[in-house]
Structure formats: C-alpha cells, structure tokens
C-alpha cells in the first residue's frame, strides 16, 4: 500500500503545519503534496516553505493564487487583486519578509503537476484541471465534475482553493480536496488535511482535523502590527473579510 499526505492552503501558518508533522509519522508517506497557497495571511512564510523544502523529492508543491501574486509583487508589478487594504498589507508584508532562498523555491514551482502511483495517474491543481482559480465544493453540481472527468487523463484529481474538504467519485474519477491546513472558513479553526491510500489501484481517502496552537499565530500577527481582523479570523476559523 502507498500512502500520500494531502495538504493545501497553508497560508504561512507554520504552527498548523508543524502540528500535522508532529501528529503523523511522516516517514510512512510515499509522497507529501501541497495544492498551493503556501504564503500570505500568517507570519511564517519562510518556515512553511522550508518545511516542504526539507522533504526533498518526496514533496510535490504547486503555486496557488496567493503565491502567484507574491511573485508578481516581487517582479515589481502592480497588485490589482485583492483590492481591500487589509488584504494588501498581508501580501506586501510577505513579499518583504521572504528569504531569497524561499523566493527562488516559489519561482521554481508550477501551476499544476501530476505523478503516478501504482499505475494510477494523479493530477494536482490549485482550483481545477481547467481553471486554477475555480472553487469546487461538496455542493458543486455533479455536472461540473462530470465535465472535468470527461476531459481528464487522470484517475484522481487533487485540488484546494475552496478551503472545504471533500471526497467524491464521479464517473469513476476521484476528486479530493484536503481542506485548508492553515485557514479554515467553516467555524472550526483546526487544521485540515487528508491521507490518500492506493493499493493495486484501489483507493481510500480519510480526512482529518487536528488542533494547533492558534495563539502562536496571533502572537506573530500582533508582533508585526498586522490587521487585527486576521487574529479574529484564525481564532474563529472563519473568513471575515
């Protein structure tokens, strides 16, 4: 049996990421994958990126929309989105505080990726196969998933961006969203992730929610005098802006 740790939407929340690493026996996993958005909204972007870098070839990471905007800022381009000032502050703080090594790592990442496990081809996307900014939910009509499945060379689609965990099988294709490691929106602030198990092309998926020291995130935000609304969001596990 092969096991894959499925993570996504860390949003620079290293305390949550570390809690997952401490909770699991990490060397059991054949792959550790990240659906994008390693950066922005917490004050630990360097620690979060380094965590994945330390995994070496075992890790597969892709860019999310926040990561792409950070790279845009670093190129000197104007940030058109988000328009809200309290959000822009978080992007500019991140771009000013990333190490050169971690900037280089972000630049090395692709917008999507794929790999094979036991003859099963798995696609990794931030939004969806056809749109990196798509948000897929458990309530998304089956017709949307059917369209993705019909146009897909993959037996498994893994995506993030919506911050909502789910697993469904549509016309034989498996769709997995691990939820958000670092910034859940459902009123439960605990870190979310999933484990994918593959054995002779048989697939099993289990979702998890575990607590982490939210107070460490709050301390970081207060230390750098970042907008207080983010303290409230991490405490409540809700999107407030």
C-alpha atoms as a PDB file:
ATOM      1  CA  UNK A   1       0.000   0.000   0.000  1.00  0.00           C
ATOM      2  CA  UNK A   2       1.188   3.508  -0.880  1.00  0.00           C
ATOM      3  CA  UNK A   3       0.203   6.466   1.281  1.00  0.00           C
ATOM      4  CA  UNK A   4       0.078  10.113   0.213  1.00  0.00           C
ATOM      5  CA  UNK A   5      -0.286  13.004   2.646  1.00  0.00           C
ATOM      6  CA  UNK A   6      -2.504  15.625   1.022  1.00  0.00           C
ATOM      7  CA  UNK A   7      -2.087  19.211   2.232  1.00  0.00           C
ATOM      8  CA  UNK A   8      -3.154  22.570   0.883  1.00  0.00           C
ATOM      9  CA  UNK A   9      -3.806  26.234   1.584  1.00  0.00           C
ATOM     10  CA  UNK A  10      -1.224  26.505   4.358  1.00  0.00           C
ATOM     11  CA  UNK A  11      -1.258  30.305   4.136  1.00  0.00           C
ATOM     12  CA  UNK A  12       2.017  30.714   6.041  1.00  0.00           C
ATOM     13  CA  UNK A  13       0.540  29.019   9.112  1.00  0.00           C
ATOM     14  CA  UNK A  14       3.600  27.090  10.208  1.00  0.00           C
ATOM     15  CA  UNK A  15       2.209  26.271  13.694  1.00  0.00           C
ATOM     16  CA  UNK A  16      -0.601  24.314  11.982  1.00  0.00           C
ATOM     17  CA  UNK A  17       1.798  22.652   9.558  1.00  0.00           C
ATOM     18  CA  UNK A  18       4.141  21.647  12.371  1.00  0.00           C
ATOM     19  CA  UNK A  19       1.220  20.240  14.360  1.00  0.00           C
ATOM     20  CA  UNK A  20       0.387  17.941  11.439  1.00  0.00           C
ATOM     21  CA  UNK A  21       4.019  16.844  11.168  1.00  0.00           C
ATOM     22  CA  UNK A  22       4.105  16.111  14.906  1.00  0.00           C
ATOM     23  CA  UNK A  23       0.790  14.241  14.782  1.00  0.00           C
ATOM     24  CA  UNK A  24       1.838  11.892  11.968  1.00  0.00           C
ATOM     25  CA  UNK A  25       4.709   9.503  11.394  1.00  0.00           C
ATOM     26  CA  UNK A  26       5.994  11.365   8.368  1.00  0.00           C
ATOM     27  CA  UNK A  27       8.323   8.704   7.004  1.00  0.00           C
ATOM     28  CA  UNK A  28       5.346   6.442   6.283  1.00  0.00           C
ATOM     29  CA  UNK A  29       4.327   8.583   3.290  1.00  0.00           C
ATOM     30  CA  UNK A  30       5.470   7.911  -0.264  1.00  0.00           C
ATOM     31  CA  UNK A  31       4.506  11.424  -1.279  1.00  0.00           C
ATOM     32  CA  UNK A  32       3.575  14.632   0.521  1.00  0.00           C
ATOM     33  CA  UNK A  33       1.712  17.020  -1.736  1.00  0.00           C
ATOM     34  CA  UNK A  34       0.570  20.610  -1.452  1.00  0.00           C
ATOM     35  CA  UNK A  35      -2.249  22.112  -3.512  1.00  0.00           C
ATOM     36  CA  UNK A  36      -0.845  25.656  -3.370  1.00  0.00           C
ATOM     37  CA  UNK A  37      -1.140  28.864  -1.340  1.00  0.00           C
ATOM     38  CA  UNK A  38       1.849  28.307   0.891  1.00  0.00           C
ATOM     39  CA  UNK A  39       2.046  32.043   1.562  1.00  0.00           C
ATOM     40  CA  UNK A  40       0.087  35.045   2.901  1.00  0.00           C
ATOM     41  CA  UNK A  41      -2.211  35.715   5.872  1.00  0.00           C
ATOM     42  CA  UNK A  42       0.109  34.484   8.623  1.00  0.00           C
ATOM     43  CA  UNK A  43       3.659  35.486   9.551  1.00  0.00           C
ATOM     44  CA  UNK A  44       5.516  32.215   8.975  1.00  0.00           C
ATOM     45  CA  UNK A  45       6.002  32.037   5.187  1.00  0.00           C
ATOM     46  CA  UNK A  46       9.684  31.162   5.442  1.00  0.00           C
ATOM     47  CA  UNK A  47       9.138  28.399   7.985  1.00  0.00           C
ATOM     48  CA  UNK A  48       6.243  26.964   5.940  1.00  0.00           C
ATOM     49  CA  UNK A  49       8.218  26.906   2.694  1.00  0.00           C
ATOM     50  CA  UNK A  50      11.279  25.481   4.443  1.00  0.00           C
ATOM     51  CA  UNK A  51       9.136  22.663   5.902  1.00  0.00           C
ATOM     52  CA  UNK A  52       8.371  21.482   2.363  1.00  0.00           C
ATOM     53  CA  UNK A  53      11.881  22.110   1.106  1.00  0.00           C
ATOM     54  CA  UNK A  54      13.227  19.848   3.866  1.00  0.00           C
ATOM     55  CA  UNK A  55      11.167  16.964   2.449  1.00  0.00           C
ATOM     56  CA  UNK A  56      13.254  16.930  -0.723  1.00  0.00           C
ATOM     57  CA  UNK A  57      11.974  14.860  -3.650  1.00  0.00           C
ATOM     58  CA  UNK A  58       9.181  13.360  -1.550  1.00  0.00           C
ATOM     59  CA  UNK A  59       7.273  16.661  -1.716  1.00  0.00           C
ATOM     60  CA  UNK A  60       5.259  17.914  -4.679  1.00  0.00           C
ATOM     61  CA  UNK A  61       4.161  21.549  -4.394  1.00  0.00           C
ATOM     62  CA  UNK A  62       2.354  23.818  -6.813  1.00  0.00           C
ATOM     63  CA  UNK A  63       1.551  27.519  -6.875  1.00  0.00           C
ATOM     64  CA  UNK A  64      -1.698  28.918  -5.576  1.00  0.00           C
ATOM     65  CA  UNK A  65      -3.207  32.325  -6.302  1.00  0.00           C
ATOM     66  CA  UNK A  66      -1.603  33.971  -3.251  1.00  0.00           C
ATOM     67  CA  UNK A  67       1.807  32.591  -4.230  1.00  0.00           C
ATOM     68  CA  UNK A  68       1.430  33.886  -7.785  1.00  0.00           C
ATOM     69  CA  UNK A  69       0.534  37.358  -6.503  1.00  0.00           C
ATOM     70  CA  UNK A  70       3.618  37.386  -4.278  1.00  0.00           C
ATOM     71  CA  UNK A  71       5.779  36.590  -7.307  1.00  0.00           C
ATOM     72  CA  UNK A  72       4.042  39.375  -9.201  1.00  0.00           C
ATOM     73  CA  UNK A  73       4.870  41.886  -6.433  1.00  0.00           C
ATOM     74  CA  UNK A  74       8.472  40.694  -6.391  1.00  0.00           C
ATOM     75  CA  UNK A  75       8.677  41.386 -10.135  1.00  0.00           C
ATOM     76  CA  UNK A  76       7.618  44.971  -9.443  1.00  0.00           C
ATOM     77  CA  UNK A  77       4.171  44.551 -10.968  1.00  0.00           C
ATOM     78  CA  UNK A  78       1.075  46.277  -9.624  1.00  0.00           C
ATOM     79  CA  UNK A  79      -1.238  44.237  -7.412  1.00  0.00           C
ATOM     80  CA  UNK A  80      -4.743  44.533  -8.887  1.00  0.00           C
ATOM     81  CA  UNK A  81      -6.321  41.982  -6.549  1.00  0.00           C
ATOM     82  CA  UNK A  82      -7.178  41.899  -3.715  1.00  0.00           C
ATOM     83  CA  UNK A  83      -8.483  45.454  -3.539  1.00  0.00           C
ATOM     84  CA  UNK A  84      -9.067  45.586   0.234  1.00  0.00           C
ATOM     85  CA  UNK A  85      -6.307  47.405   2.108  1.00  0.00           C
ATOM     86  CA  UNK A  86      -6.165  44.928   4.999  1.00  0.00           C
ATOM     87  CA  UNK A  87      -5.555  42.114   2.496  1.00  0.00           C
ATOM     88  CA  UNK A  88      -2.947  44.033   0.523  1.00  0.00           C
ATOM     89  CA  UNK A  89      -0.996  44.675   3.730  1.00  0.00           C
ATOM     90  CA  UNK A  90      -0.593  40.921   4.189  1.00  0.00           C
ATOM     91  CA  UNK A  91       0.732  40.465   0.651  1.00  0.00           C
ATOM     92  CA  UNK A  92       3.272  43.269   0.887  1.00  0.00           C
ATOM     93  CA  UNK A  93       4.450  42.137   4.341  1.00  0.00           C
ATOM     94  CA  UNK A  94       5.016  38.637   2.952  1.00  0.00           C
ATOM     95  CA  UNK A  95       6.897  39.833  -0.127  1.00  0.00           C
ATOM     96  CA  UNK A  96       9.167  41.992   2.064  1.00  0.00           C
ATOM     97  CA  UNK A  97       9.952  39.188   4.524  1.00  0.00           C
ATOM     98  CA  UNK A  98      10.604  36.161   2.311  1.00  0.00           C
ATOM     99  CA  UNK A  99      14.189  34.926   2.182  1.00  0.00           C
ATOM    100  CA  UNK A 100      15.974  34.812  -1.164  1.00  0.00           C
ATOM    101  CA  UNK A 101      16.176  31.012  -0.971  1.00  0.00           C
ATOM    102  CA  UNK A 102      12.433  30.711  -0.458  1.00  0.00           C
ATOM    103  CA  UNK A 103      11.698  33.214  -3.216  1.00  0.00           C
ATOM    104  CA  UNK A 104      13.771  31.011  -5.522  1.00  0.00           C
ATOM    105  CA  UNK A 105      11.786  27.975  -4.375  1.00  0.00           C
ATOM    106  CA  UNK A 106       8.459  29.676  -5.131  1.00  0.00           C
ATOM    107  CA  UNK A 107       9.750  30.661  -8.565  1.00  0.00           C
ATOM    108  CA  UNK A 108      10.601  27.011  -9.261  1.00  0.00           C
ATOM    109  CA  UNK A 109       7.029  25.799  -8.712  1.00  0.00           C
ATOM    110  CA  UNK A 110       4.480  25.084 -11.454  1.00  0.00           C
ATOM    111  CA  UNK A 111       0.784  25.960 -11.549  1.00  0.00           C
ATOM    112  CA  UNK A 112      -0.134  22.266 -11.679  1.00  0.00           C
ATOM    113  CA  UNK A 113       1.561  18.881 -11.516  1.00  0.00           C
ATOM    114  CA  UNK A 114       0.947  15.151 -11.876  1.00  0.00           C
ATOM    115  CA  UNK A 115       2.508  11.871 -10.837  1.00  0.00           C
ATOM    116  CA  UNK A 116       1.923   8.126 -10.931  1.00  0.00           C
ATOM    117  CA  UNK A 117       1.423   5.729  -8.021  1.00  0.00           C
ATOM    118  CA  UNK A 118       0.990   2.018  -8.778  1.00  0.00           C
ATOM    119  CA  UNK A 119      -0.069   2.828 -12.339  1.00  0.00           C
ATOM    120  CA  UNK A 120      -2.616   5.388 -11.167  1.00  0.00           C
ATOM    121  CA  UNK A 121      -2.181   8.845 -12.686  1.00  0.00           C
ATOM    122  CA  UNK A 122      -2.888  11.660 -10.239  1.00  0.00           C
ATOM    123  CA  UNK A 123      -3.346  15.327 -11.168  1.00  0.00           C
ATOM    124  CA  UNK A 124      -2.616  18.132  -8.713  1.00  0.00           C
ATOM    125  CA  UNK A 125      -4.300  21.528  -9.161  1.00  0.00           C
ATOM    126  CA  UNK A 126      -4.982  24.604  -7.064  1.00  0.00           C
ATOM    127  CA  UNK A 127      -8.511  25.175  -8.379  1.00  0.00           C
ATOM    128  CA  UNK A 128      -9.344  22.585 -11.022  1.00  0.00           C
ATOM    129  CA  UNK A 129      -7.977  20.931 -14.145  1.00  0.00           C
ATOM    130  CA  UNK A 130      -9.405  23.663 -16.387  1.00  0.00           C
ATOM    131  CA  UNK A 131      -9.184  26.727 -14.129  1.00  0.00           C
ATOM    132  CA  UNK A 132      -6.573  27.425 -11.415  1.00  0.00           C
ATOM    133  CA  UNK A 133      -8.986  29.856  -9.739  1.00  0.00           C
ATOM    134  CA  UNK A 134     -12.042  27.583  -9.726  1.00  0.00           C
ATOM    135  CA  UNK A 135     -13.615  26.803  -6.372  1.00  0.00           C
ATOM    136  CA  UNK A 136     -15.091  23.326  -6.057  1.00  0.00           C
ATOM    137  CA  UNK A 137     -17.301  22.396  -3.116  1.00  0.00           C
ATOM    138  CA  UNK A 138     -19.195  19.304  -1.978  1.00  0.00           C
ATOM    139  CA  UNK A 139     -22.314  21.124  -3.200  1.00  0.00           C
ATOM    140  CA  UNK A 140     -20.898  21.819  -6.690  1.00  0.00           C
ATOM    141  CA  UNK A 141     -23.256  20.178  -9.230  1.00  0.00           C
ATOM    142  CA  UNK A 142     -22.210  16.736 -10.439  1.00  0.00           C
ATOM    143  CA  UNK A 143     -22.376  18.063 -13.991  1.00  0.00           C
ATOM    144  CA  UNK A 144     -19.288  20.174 -13.264  1.00  0.00           C
ATOM    145  CA  UNK A 145     -17.346  17.147 -12.028  1.00  0.00           C
ATOM    146  CA  UNK A 146     -18.563  15.061 -14.977  1.00  0.00           C
ATOM    147  CA  UNK A 147     -17.183  17.684 -17.368  1.00  0.00           C
ATOM    148  CA  UNK A 148     -13.807  17.620 -15.587  1.00  0.00           C
ATOM    149  CA  UNK A 149     -13.747  13.820 -15.567  1.00  0.00           C
ATOM    150  CA  UNK A 150     -14.532  13.502 -19.281  1.00  0.00           C
ATOM    151  CA  UNK A 151     -11.731  15.873 -20.268  1.00  0.00           C
ATOM    152  CA  UNK A 152      -9.209  14.349 -17.900  1.00  0.00           C
ATOM    153  CA  UNK A 153      -6.309  11.910 -18.315  1.00  0.00           C
ATOM    154  CA  UNK A 154      -6.243  11.460 -14.524  1.00  0.00           C
ATOM    155  CA  UNK A 155      -7.881   8.865 -12.319  1.00  0.00           C
ATOM    156  CA  UNK A 156      -7.553  11.172  -9.306  1.00  0.00           C
ATOM    157  CA  UNK A 157      -7.898  14.954  -9.123  1.00  0.00           C
ATOM    158  CA  UNK A 158      -6.493  16.667  -6.029  1.00  0.00           C
ATOM    159  CA  UNK A 159      -7.306  20.347  -5.595  1.00  0.00           C
ATOM    160  CA  UNK A 160      -7.565  23.079  -2.964  1.00  0.00           C
ATOM    161  CA  UNK A 161      -8.501  26.781  -3.054  1.00  0.00           C
ATOM    162  CA  UNK A 162     -12.054  26.454  -1.693  1.00  0.00           C
ATOM    163  CA  UNK A 163     -10.761  25.519   1.798  1.00  0.00           C
ATOM    164  CA  UNK A 164     -13.562  22.929   2.038  1.00  0.00           C
ATOM    165  CA  UNK A 165     -12.639  19.249   2.499  1.00  0.00           C
ATOM    166  CA  UNK A 166     -14.456  16.657   0.422  1.00  0.00           C
ATOM    167  CA  UNK A 167     -14.052  13.394  -1.431  1.00  0.00           C
ATOM    168  CA  UNK A 168     -16.316  12.145  -4.193  1.00  0.00           C
ATOM    169  CA  UNK A 169     -16.168   9.703  -7.080  1.00  0.00           C
ATOM    170  CA  UNK A 170     -17.846  10.850 -10.298  1.00  0.00           C
ATOM    171  CA  UNK A 171     -17.970   8.564 -13.361  1.00  0.00           C
ATOM    172  CA  UNK A 172     -15.018   6.636 -11.970  1.00  0.00           C
ATOM    173  CA  UNK A 173     -12.786   9.666 -11.315  1.00  0.00           C
ATOM    174  CA  UNK A 174     -11.812  10.512  -7.733  1.00  0.00           C
ATOM    175  CA  UNK A 175     -11.931  14.150  -6.599  1.00  0.00           C
ATOM    176  CA  UNK A 176     -10.185  15.087  -3.345  1.00  0.00           C
ATOM    177  CA  UNK A 177      -9.927  18.408  -1.519  1.00  0.00           C
ATOM    178  CA  UNK A 178      -7.992  18.216   1.776  1.00  0.00           C
ATOM    179  CA  UNK A 179      -9.389  21.485   3.120  1.00  0.00           C
ATOM    180  CA  UNK A 180      -7.021  24.119   4.452  1.00  0.00           C
ATOM    181  CA  UNK A 181      -4.078  23.401   6.727  1.00  0.00           C
ATOM    182  CA  UNK A 182      -3.844  26.985   7.874  1.00  0.00           C
ATOM    183  CA  UNK A 183      -7.064  28.916   7.345  1.00  0.00           C
ATOM    184  CA  UNK A 184     -10.401  27.141   7.585  1.00  0.00           C
ATOM    185  CA  UNK A 185     -13.637  29.043   6.982  1.00  0.00           C
ATOM    186  CA  UNK A 186     -16.267  26.716   8.486  1.00  0.00           C
ATOM    187  CA  UNK A 187     -16.113  27.942  12.094  1.00  0.00           C
ATOM    188  CA  UNK A 188     -13.685  25.207  13.139  1.00  0.00           C
ATOM    189  CA  UNK A 189     -10.143  26.636  13.369  1.00  0.00           C
ATOM    190  CA  UNK A 190      -8.441  23.237  13.470  1.00  0.00           C
ATOM    191  CA  UNK A 191      -6.028  22.270  10.695  1.00  0.00           C
ATOM    192  CA  UNK A 192      -7.491  20.142   7.905  1.00  0.00           C
ATOM    193  CA  UNK A 193      -5.712  17.540   5.770  1.00  0.00           C
ATOM    194  CA  UNK A 194      -6.274  14.188   4.069  1.00  0.00           C
ATOM    195  CA  UNK A 195      -4.480  10.892   3.532  1.00  0.00           C
ATOM    196  CA  UNK A 196      -4.825   9.077   0.217  1.00  0.00           C
ATOM    197  CA  UNK A 197      -4.128   5.322   0.213  1.00  0.00           C
ATOM    198  CA  UNK A 198      -3.519   3.426  -3.017  1.00  0.00           C
ATOM    199  CA  UNK A 199      -3.242  -0.352  -3.194  1.00  0.00           C
ATOM    200  CA  UNK A 200      -3.416  -2.241  -6.502  1.00  0.00           C
ATOM    201  CA  UNK A 201      -5.368   0.715  -7.929  1.00  0.00           C
ATOM    202  CA  UNK A 202      -7.852   0.566  -5.045  1.00  0.00           C
ATOM    203  CA  UNK A 203      -8.263   3.975  -3.458  1.00  0.00           C
ATOM    204  CA  UNK A 204      -9.096   5.052   0.075  1.00  0.00           C
ATOM    205  CA  UNK A 205      -9.325   8.609   1.409  1.00  0.00           C
ATOM    206  CA  UNK A 206      -9.556   9.799   5.011  1.00  0.00           C
ATOM    207  CA  UNK A 207      -9.916  13.405   6.181  1.00  0.00           C
ATOM    208  CA  UNK A 208      -8.588  14.738   9.473  1.00  0.00           C
ATOM    209  CA  UNK A 209      -8.991  17.846  11.652  1.00  0.00           C
ATOM    210  CA  UNK A 210      -6.465  18.453  14.428  1.00  0.00           C
ATOM    211  CA  UNK A 211      -5.869  21.345  16.844  1.00  0.00           C
ATOM    212  CA  UNK A 212      -2.788  23.527  16.693  1.00  0.00           C
ATOM    213  CA  UNK A 213      -1.529  26.483  18.800  1.00  0.00           C
ATOM    214  CA  UNK A 214      -3.582  29.308  17.291  1.00  0.00           C
ATOM    215  CA  UNK A 215      -2.097  31.605  19.951  1.00  0.00           C
ATOM    216  CA  UNK A 216       1.279  31.342  18.189  1.00  0.00           C
ATOM    217  CA  UNK A 217      -0.302  32.717  15.011  1.00  0.00           C
ATOM    218  CA  UNK A 218      -1.938  35.543  16.967  1.00  0.00           C
ATOM    219  CA  UNK A 219       1.388  36.453  18.599  1.00  0.00           C
ATOM    220  CA  UNK A 220       3.043  36.679  15.183  1.00  0.00           C
ATOM    221  CA  UNK A 221       0.329  38.945  13.796  1.00  0.00           C
ATOM    222  CA  UNK A 222       0.476  41.234  16.823  1.00  0.00           C
ATOM    223  CA  UNK A 223       4.282  41.311  16.804  1.00  0.00           C
ATOM    224  CA  UNK A 224       4.300  42.809  13.308  1.00  0.00           C
ATOM    225  CA  UNK A 225       1.238  45.001  13.942  1.00  0.00           C
ATOM    226  CA  UNK A 226      -0.740  43.393  11.136  1.00  0.00           C
ATOM    227  CA  UNK A 227      -4.531  43.915  10.811  1.00  0.00           C
ATOM    228  CA  UNK A 228      -6.375  42.653  13.876  1.00  0.00           C
ATOM    229  CA  UNK A 229      -9.120  41.145  11.721  1.00  0.00           C
ATOM    230  CA  UNK A 230      -6.763  38.246  10.986  1.00  0.00           C
ATOM    231  CA  UNK A 231      -6.388  37.478  14.682  1.00  0.00           C
ATOM    232  CA  UNK A 232     -10.156  37.148  14.884  1.00  0.00           C
ATOM    233  CA  UNK A 233     -10.325  35.021  11.738  1.00  0.00           C
ATOM    234  CA  UNK A 234      -7.758  32.495  12.936  1.00  0.00           C
ATOM    235  CA  UNK A 235      -9.429  32.287  16.340  1.00  0.00           C
ATOM    236  CA  UNK A 236     -12.897  31.781  14.874  1.00  0.00           C
ATOM    237  CA  UNK A 237     -11.922  29.644  11.869  1.00  0.00           C
ATOM    238  CA  UNK A 238     -13.993  31.958   9.684  1.00  0.00           C
ATOM    239  CA  UNK A 239     -13.438  34.343   6.780  1.00  0.00           C
ATOM    240  CA  UNK A 240     -14.435  37.824   7.929  1.00  0.00           C
ATOM    241  CA  UNK A 241     -13.222  39.981   5.035  1.00  0.00           C
END
